[in-house]
Amino acid sequence: MAPRKGQEFTWDDFPAHHDKDGWHCRYCKKVLKGRKTAWCSKECLIEVRSRCDWNYIRNKVRRRDKWKCQWPMPDGTICGLKGTDVDHVVELADGGCFHDLNNLRTLCNPHHKRKTAASRKERAERKKLAEKST
């Protein structure tokens, strides 16, 4: 599966491995006993999913934010409407990290659209300024 823009890891980075000792955990490479799964522990599976499974990451962020939009309002509160989208605070195109939970927040669709449009406009203006200065 092809990585998303800014995604460091994909499932392909954690291949199944078998040698003379047997099957190994796809994350920590520990030899598996009585192989029933590709992971030696739930922690190894969670580590991999936290790096490359967008559905897992997105649901983790939405649960953390209690499914409420985290958009800051002028009075210092948050929007609080039902959050349906997960947003990268620092856009991937601007160097934000794909899977860092500190760079992710839940937003309602209108605030996500507003933020994305503003980020694109700002990026286009920076590009225009860079082209003028060269």
N, C-alpha and C. Protein backbone atom coordinates (compact mmCIF):
# COMPACT_ATOMS: atom_id res chain seq x y z
N MET A 1 0.84 -1.18 0.00
CA MET A 1 0.00 0.00 0.00
C MET A 1 0.89 1.24 0.00
N ALA A 2 0.58 2.19 -0.85
CA ALA A 2 1.38 3.41 -0.96
C ALA A 2 1.15 4.30 0.26
N PRO A 3 2.22 4.94 0.74
CA PRO A 3 2.06 5.81 1.91
C PRO A 3 1.32 7.09 1.55
N ARG A 4 0.65 7.66 2.53
CA ARG A 4 0.03 8.96 2.36
C ARG A 4 1.14 10.01 2.42
N LYS A 5 0.86 11.19 1.92
CA LYS A 5 1.85 12.25 1.96
C LYS A 5 2.25 12.51 3.41
N GLY A 6 3.54 12.53 3.68
CA GLY A 6 4.04 12.78 5.03
C GLY A 6 4.07 11.56 5.92
N GLN A 7 3.58 10.44 5.44
CA GLN A 7 3.55 9.23 6.24
C GLN A 7 4.92 8.57 6.20
N GLU A 8 5.51 8.37 7.37
CA GLU A 8 6.84 7.76 7.45
C GLU A 8 6.82 6.26 7.26
N PHE A 9 5.78 5.60 7.79
CA PHE A 9 5.73 4.16 7.81
C PHE A 9 4.47 3.65 7.12
N THR A 10 4.58 2.46 6.53
CA THR A 10 3.41 1.74 6.01
C THR A 10 3.50 0.31 6.56
N TRP A 11 2.46 -0.46 6.33
CA TRP A 11 2.48 -1.85 6.78
C TRP A 11 3.67 -2.60 6.16
N ASP A 12 4.09 -2.18 4.97
CA ASP A 12 5.21 -2.83 4.29
C ASP A 12 6.52 -2.68 5.06
N ASP A 13 6.60 -1.69 5.96
CA ASP A 13 7.81 -1.50 6.76
C ASP A 13 7.90 -2.51 7.90
N PHE A 14 6.85 -3.30 8.08
CA PHE A 14 6.82 -4.29 9.16
C PHE A 14 6.45 -5.65 8.56
N PRO A 15 7.35 -6.18 7.71
CA PRO A 15 7.02 -7.43 7.01
C PRO A 15 7.08 -8.65 7.94
N ALA A 16 6.35 -9.68 7.57
CA ALA A 16 6.44 -10.95 8.28
C ALA A 16 7.84 -11.51 8.02
N HIS A 17 8.44 -12.11 9.05
CA HIS A 17 9.81 -12.61 8.91
C HIS A 17 9.89 -14.02 9.49
N HIS A 18 10.46 -14.92 8.70
CA HIS A 18 10.62 -16.30 9.12
C HIS A 18 12.03 -16.75 8.80
N ASP A 19 12.67 -17.41 9.76
CA ASP A 19 14.00 -17.99 9.52
C ASP A 19 14.09 -19.33 10.25
N LYS A 20 15.31 -19.83 10.44
CA LYS A 20 15.48 -21.15 11.06
C LYS A 20 14.91 -21.21 12.48
N ASP A 21 14.82 -20.07 13.17
CA ASP A 21 14.29 -20.04 14.53
C ASP A 21 12.76 -20.01 14.55
N GLY A 22 12.15 -19.68 13.42
CA GLY A 22 10.69 -19.62 13.33
C GLY A 22 10.23 -18.23 12.90
N TRP A 23 8.95 -17.96 13.15
CA TRP A 23 8.38 -16.66 12.80
C TRP A 23 8.76 -15.63 13.86
N HIS A 24 8.91 -14.37 13.40
CA HIS A 24 9.30 -13.29 14.30
C HIS A 24 8.20 -12.23 14.35
N CYS A 25 8.13 -11.54 15.48
CA CYS A 25 7.21 -10.42 15.64
C CYS A 25 7.52 -9.39 14.57
N ARG A 26 6.50 -8.86 13.93
CA ARG A 26 6.70 -7.90 12.85
C ARG A 26 7.26 -6.57 13.36
N TYR A 27 7.14 -6.29 14.64
CA TYR A 27 7.64 -5.02 15.19
C TYR A 27 8.98 -5.18 15.89
N CYS A 28 9.04 -6.01 16.92
CA CYS A 28 10.27 -6.10 17.72
C CYS A 28 11.19 -7.24 17.30
N LYS A 29 10.73 -8.08 16.38
CA LYS A 29 11.51 -9.20 15.81
C LYS A 29 11.75 -10.34 16.79
N LYS A 30 11.08 -10.35 17.93
CA LYS A 30 11.21 -11.45 18.88
C LYS A 30 10.60 -12.71 18.26
N VAL A 31 11.21 -13.88 18.53
CA VAL A 31 10.71 -15.14 17.99
C VAL A 31 9.35 -15.44 18.63
N LEU A 32 8.40 -15.79 17.79
CA LEU A 32 7.05 -16.09 18.27
C LEU A 32 6.93 -17.57 18.61
N LYS A 33 6.28 -17.85 19.70
CA LYS A 33 6.04 -19.24 20.13
C LYS A 33 4.62 -19.62 19.73
N GLY A 34 4.47 -20.75 19.06
CA GLY A 34 3.14 -21.21 18.68
C GLY A 34 2.38 -20.14 17.91
N ARG A 35 2.97 -19.69 16.83
CA ARG A 35 2.47 -18.54 16.06
C ARG A 35 0.99 -18.60 15.76
N LYS A 36 0.25 -17.65 16.35
CA LYS A 36 -1.16 -17.48 16.06
C LYS A 36 -1.39 -16.09 15.47
N THR A 37 -0.40 -15.26 15.56
CA THR A 37 -0.50 -13.88 15.11
C THR A 37 0.89 -13.41 14.65
N ALA A 38 0.97 -12.23 14.10
CA ALA A 38 2.24 -11.70 13.63
C ALA A 38 2.92 -10.83 14.68
N TRP A 39 2.34 -10.78 15.89
CA TRP A 39 2.84 -9.88 16.94
C TRP A 39 3.10 -10.68 18.21
N CYS A 40 4.13 -10.31 18.95
CA CYS A 40 4.42 -11.01 20.19
C CYS A 40 3.54 -10.50 21.33
N SER A 41 3.00 -9.28 21.17
CA SER A 41 2.17 -8.71 22.23
C SER A 41 1.24 -7.66 21.64
N LYS A 42 0.24 -7.32 22.42
CA LYS A 42 -0.69 -6.28 22.00
C LYS A 42 0.04 -4.94 21.86
N GLU A 43 1.05 -4.71 22.69
CA GLU A 43 1.83 -3.48 22.64
C GLU A 43 2.54 -3.31 21.30
N CYS A 44 3.10 -4.40 20.76
CA CYS A 44 3.77 -4.33 19.46
C CYS A 44 2.77 -3.99 18.36
N LEU A 45 1.60 -4.61 18.40
CA LEU A 45 0.57 -4.31 17.41
C LEU A 45 0.14 -2.84 17.51
N ILE A 46 -0.05 -2.34 18.72
CA ILE A 46 -0.46 -0.95 18.92
C ILE A 46 0.61 0.01 18.40
N GLU A 47 1.88 -0.31 18.63
CA GLU A 47 2.97 0.54 18.13
C GLU A 47 2.92 0.66 16.61
N VAL A 48 2.72 -0.45 15.93
CA VAL A 48 2.68 -0.42 14.47
C VAL A 48 1.43 0.31 13.99
N ARG A 49 0.29 -0.01 14.57
CA ARG A 49 -0.95 0.67 14.16
C ARG A 49 -0.87 2.17 14.41
N SER A 50 -0.19 2.57 15.48
CA SER A 50 -0.05 4.00 15.81
C SER A 50 0.86 4.74 14.83
N ARG A 51 1.58 4.00 14.01
CA ARG A 51 2.48 4.62 13.04
C ARG A 51 1.96 4.59 11.61
N CYS A 52 1.12 3.61 11.29
CA CYS A 52 0.76 3.49 9.88
C CYS A 52 -0.72 3.24 9.59
N ASP A 53 -1.55 3.04 10.58
CA ASP A 53 -2.96 2.75 10.34
C ASP A 53 -3.78 4.02 10.62
N TRP A 54 -4.12 4.76 9.53
CA TRP A 54 -4.80 6.04 9.69
C TRP A 54 -6.14 5.89 10.42
N ASN A 55 -6.91 4.83 10.15
CA ASN A 55 -8.18 4.65 10.85
C ASN A 55 -7.98 4.51 12.35
N TYR A 56 -6.96 3.77 12.75
CA TYR A 56 -6.65 3.61 14.17
C TYR A 56 -6.24 4.95 14.79
N ILE A 57 -5.35 5.67 14.11
CA ILE A 57 -4.87 6.97 14.61
C ILE A 57 -6.04 7.94 14.72
N ARG A 58 -6.85 8.03 13.68
CA ARG A 58 -7.98 8.96 13.65
C ARG A 58 -8.96 8.68 14.79
N ASN A 59 -9.29 7.41 14.99
CA ASN A 59 -10.22 7.06 16.07
C ASN A 59 -9.63 7.35 17.44
N LYS A 60 -8.33 7.14 17.58
CA LYS A 60 -7.66 7.43 18.85
C LYS A 60 -7.75 8.93 19.17
N VAL A 61 -7.54 9.78 18.16
CA VAL A 61 -7.62 11.23 18.35
C VAL A 61 -9.05 11.65 18.68
N ARG A 62 -10.01 11.11 17.95
CA ARG A 62 -11.41 11.49 18.20
C ARG A 62 -11.86 11.06 19.60
N ARG A 63 -11.42 9.90 20.05
CA ARG A 63 -11.76 9.47 21.43
C ARG A 63 -11.09 10.39 22.44
N ARG A 64 -9.82 10.72 22.21
CA ARG A 64 -9.10 11.62 23.12
C ARG A 64 -9.82 12.95 23.25
N ASP A 65 -10.30 13.48 22.13
CA ASP A 65 -10.97 14.79 22.11
C ASP A 65 -12.47 14.69 22.40
N LYS A 66 -12.91 13.49 22.78
CA LYS A 66 -14.32 13.25 23.12
C LYS A 66 -15.27 13.63 21.98
N TRP A 67 -14.82 13.45 20.75
CA TRP A 67 -15.62 13.70 19.55
C TRP A 67 -16.11 15.15 19.47
N LYS A 68 -15.36 16.07 20.08
CA LYS A 68 -15.74 17.49 20.05
C LYS A 68 -14.71 18.28 19.27
N CYS A 69 -15.19 19.24 18.49
CA CYS A 69 -14.33 20.11 17.70
C CYS A 69 -13.43 20.91 18.63
N GLN A 70 -12.14 20.90 18.35
CA GLN A 70 -11.15 21.57 19.19
C GLN A 70 -10.74 22.95 18.66
N TRP A 71 -11.51 23.49 17.72
CA TRP A 71 -11.19 24.79 17.14
C TRP A 71 -11.28 25.87 18.22
N PRO A 72 -10.20 26.67 18.38
CA PRO A 72 -10.24 27.73 19.40
C PRO A 72 -11.14 28.88 18.98
N MET A 73 -12.03 29.27 19.87
CA MET A 73 -12.95 30.37 19.62
C MET A 73 -12.34 31.68 20.15
N PRO A 74 -12.80 32.83 19.68
CA PRO A 74 -12.25 34.11 20.12
C PRO A 74 -12.31 34.34 21.64
N ASP A 75 -13.31 33.74 22.30
CA ASP A 75 -13.43 33.95 23.75
C ASP A 75 -12.56 32.99 24.57
N GLY A 76 -11.71 32.18 23.89
CA GLY A 76 -10.79 31.28 24.58
C GLY A 76 -11.34 29.87 24.81
N THR A 77 -12.59 29.63 24.47
CA THR A 77 -13.15 28.29 24.59
C THR A 77 -12.89 27.53 23.29
N ILE A 78 -13.39 26.30 23.23
CA ILE A 78 -13.31 25.55 21.98
C ILE A 78 -14.70 25.48 21.37
N CYS A 79 -14.76 25.19 20.09
CA CYS A 79 -16.04 25.12 19.37
C CYS A 79 -16.98 24.14 20.06
N GLY A 80 -16.55 22.90 20.24
CA GLY A 80 -17.35 21.92 20.96
C GLY A 80 -18.43 21.21 20.15
N LEU A 81 -18.62 21.59 18.89
CA LEU A 81 -19.58 20.86 18.05
C LEU A 81 -19.05 19.45 17.80
N LYS A 82 -19.91 18.59 17.26
CA LYS A 82 -19.48 17.21 16.98
C LYS A 82 -18.32 17.23 16.00
N GLY A 83 -17.20 16.64 16.42
CA GLY A 83 -16.01 16.57 15.59
C GLY A 83 -16.05 15.35 14.69
N THR A 84 -16.02 15.58 13.40
CA THR A 84 -16.07 14.48 12.44
C THR A 84 -14.74 14.26 11.73
N ASP A 85 -13.90 15.29 11.70
CA ASP A 85 -12.65 15.24 10.95
C ASP A 85 -11.46 15.29 11.91
N VAL A 86 -10.35 14.70 11.48
CA VAL A 86 -9.10 14.82 12.23
C VAL A 86 -8.14 15.63 11.38
N ASP A 87 -7.60 16.67 11.98
CA ASP A 87 -6.78 17.66 11.29
C ASP A 87 -5.34 17.61 11.78
N HIS A 88 -4.41 17.77 10.84
CA HIS A 88 -3.00 17.96 11.21
C HIS A 88 -2.81 19.44 11.51
N VAL A 89 -2.44 19.76 12.74
CA VAL A 89 -2.26 21.16 13.14
C VAL A 89 -1.23 21.80 12.22
N VAL A 90 -0.06 21.18 12.10
CA VAL A 90 0.93 21.59 11.12
C VAL A 90 0.71 20.67 9.92
N GLU A 91 0.27 21.26 8.82
CA GLU A 91 -0.07 20.48 7.62
C GLU A 91 1.11 19.60 7.19
N LEU A 92 0.81 18.45 6.62
CA LEU A 92 1.85 17.55 6.12
C LEU A 92 2.70 18.25 5.08
N ALA A 93 2.08 19.07 4.24
CA ALA A 93 2.80 19.81 3.20
C ALA A 93 3.77 20.83 3.80
N ASP A 94 3.54 21.20 5.05
CA ASP A 94 4.42 22.16 5.74
C ASP A 94 5.39 21.47 6.68
N GLY A 95 5.46 20.15 6.61
CA GLY A 95 6.41 19.41 7.43
C GLY A 95 5.84 18.78 8.68
N GLY A 96 4.52 18.78 8.83
CA GLY A 96 3.90 18.16 9.99
C GLY A 96 4.04 16.65 9.97
N CYS A 97 3.99 16.05 11.14
CA CYS A 97 4.14 14.60 11.27
C CYS A 97 2.80 13.90 11.09
N PHE A 98 2.78 12.85 10.30
CA PHE A 98 1.57 12.10 9.97
C PHE A 98 0.92 11.48 11.19
N HIS A 99 1.73 10.87 12.07
CA HIS A 99 1.16 10.06 13.15
C HIS A 99 1.35 10.63 14.55
N ASP A 100 1.94 11.81 14.69
CA ASP A 100 2.17 12.40 16.00
C ASP A 100 0.85 12.91 16.58
N LEU A 101 0.42 12.32 17.68
CA LEU A 101 -0.86 12.70 18.28
C LEU A 101 -0.87 14.16 18.72
N ASN A 102 0.29 14.73 19.01
CA ASN A 102 0.36 16.14 19.39
C ASN A 102 0.11 17.06 18.20
N ASN A 103 0.19 16.53 17.00
CA ASN A 103 -0.04 17.32 15.79
C ASN A 103 -1.42 17.06 15.21
N LEU A 104 -2.26 16.35 15.94
CA LEU A 104 -3.59 16.00 15.46
C LEU A 104 -4.66 16.50 16.41
N ARG A 105 -5.78 16.92 15.84
CA ARG A 105 -6.92 17.36 16.65
C ARG A 105 -8.21 17.09 15.89
N THR A 106 -9.28 16.96 16.63
CA THR A 106 -10.60 16.74 16.06
C THR A 106 -11.22 18.09 15.72
N LEU A 107 -11.80 18.18 14.53
CA LEU A 107 -12.49 19.40 14.11
C LEU A 107 -13.84 19.04 13.50
N CYS A 108 -14.77 19.98 13.57
CA CYS A 108 -16.01 19.82 12.82
C CYS A 108 -15.68 20.13 11.36
N ASN A 109 -16.52 19.69 10.46
CA ASN A 109 -16.23 19.86 9.04
C ASN A 109 -16.07 21.32 8.62
N PRO A 110 -16.92 22.25 9.07
CA PRO A 110 -16.74 23.65 8.65
C PRO A 110 -15.40 24.25 9.10
N HIS A 111 -14.98 23.95 10.33
CA HIS A 111 -13.70 24.48 10.80
C HIS A 111 -12.52 23.81 10.09
N HIS A 112 -12.66 22.52 9.77
CA HIS A 112 -11.59 21.84 9.04
C HIS A 112 -11.43 22.45 7.65
N LYS A 113 -12.56 22.71 6.97
CA LYS A 113 -12.49 23.34 5.65
C LYS A 113 -11.87 24.72 5.73
N ARG A 114 -12.26 25.51 6.74
CA ARG A 114 -11.73 26.86 6.91
C ARG A 114 -10.21 26.82 7.15
N LYS A 115 -9.78 25.92 8.02
CA LYS A 115 -8.35 25.82 8.35
C LYS A 115 -7.54 25.37 7.13
N THR A 116 -8.05 24.38 6.40
CA THR A 116 -7.34 23.87 5.23
C THR A 116 -7.24 24.94 4.15
N ALA A 117 -8.32 25.67 3.91
CA ALA A 117 -8.29 26.75 2.92
C ALA A 117 -7.29 27.83 3.31
N ALA A 118 -7.27 28.20 4.58
CA ALA A 118 -6.33 29.23 5.05
C ALA A 118 -4.88 28.75 4.91
N SER A 119 -4.64 27.48 5.22
CA SER A 119 -3.29 26.93 5.11
C SER A 119 -2.82 26.91 3.65
N ARG A 120 -3.72 26.52 2.75
CA ARG A 120 -3.36 26.49 1.32
C ARG A 120 -3.08 27.89 0.80
N LYS A 121 -3.89 28.85 1.22
CA LYS A 121 -3.70 30.23 0.78
C LYS A 121 -2.36 30.76 1.29
N GLU A 122 -2.07 30.51 2.55
CA GLU A 122 -0.81 30.95 3.14
C GLU A 122 0.39 30.31 2.44
N ARG A 123 0.28 29.01 2.14
CA ARG A 123 1.36 28.30 1.45
C ARG A 123 1.57 28.87 0.05
N ALA A 124 0.48 29.19 -0.67
CA ALA A 124 0.57 29.77 -2.01
C ALA A 124 1.23 31.15 -1.96
N GLU A 125 0.89 31.94 -0.94
CA GLU A 125 1.49 33.27 -0.79
C GLU A 125 2.98 33.16 -0.50
N ARG A 126 3.37 32.21 0.35
CA ARG A 126 4.80 32.00 0.63
C ARG A 126 5.54 31.60 -0.64
N LYS A 127 4.92 30.73 -1.44
CA LYS A 127 5.54 30.28 -2.68
C LYS A 127 5.70 31.45 -3.65
N LYS A 128 4.67 32.29 -3.73
CA LYS A 128 4.71 33.46 -4.60
C LYS A 128 5.84 34.41 -4.19
N LEU A 129 5.96 34.63 -2.87
CA LEU A 129 7.03 35.51 -2.36
C LEU A 129 8.41 34.93 -2.65
N ALA A 130 8.53 33.61 -2.50
CA ALA A 130 9.81 32.95 -2.77
C ALA A 130 10.18 33.06 -4.24
N GLU A 131 9.19 32.95 -5.13
CA GLU A 131 9.46 33.07 -6.56
C GLU A 131 9.86 34.49 -6.93
N LYS A 132 9.27 35.50 -6.28
CA LYS A 132 9.60 36.89 -6.54
C LYS A 132 11.03 37.22 -6.12
N SER A 133 11.45 36.62 -4.98
CA SER A 133 12.77 36.95 -4.45
C SER A 133 13.90 36.25 -5.19
N THR A 134 13.57 35.29 -6.07
CA THR A 134 14.64 34.62 -6.83
C THR A 134 14.82 35.21 -8.21
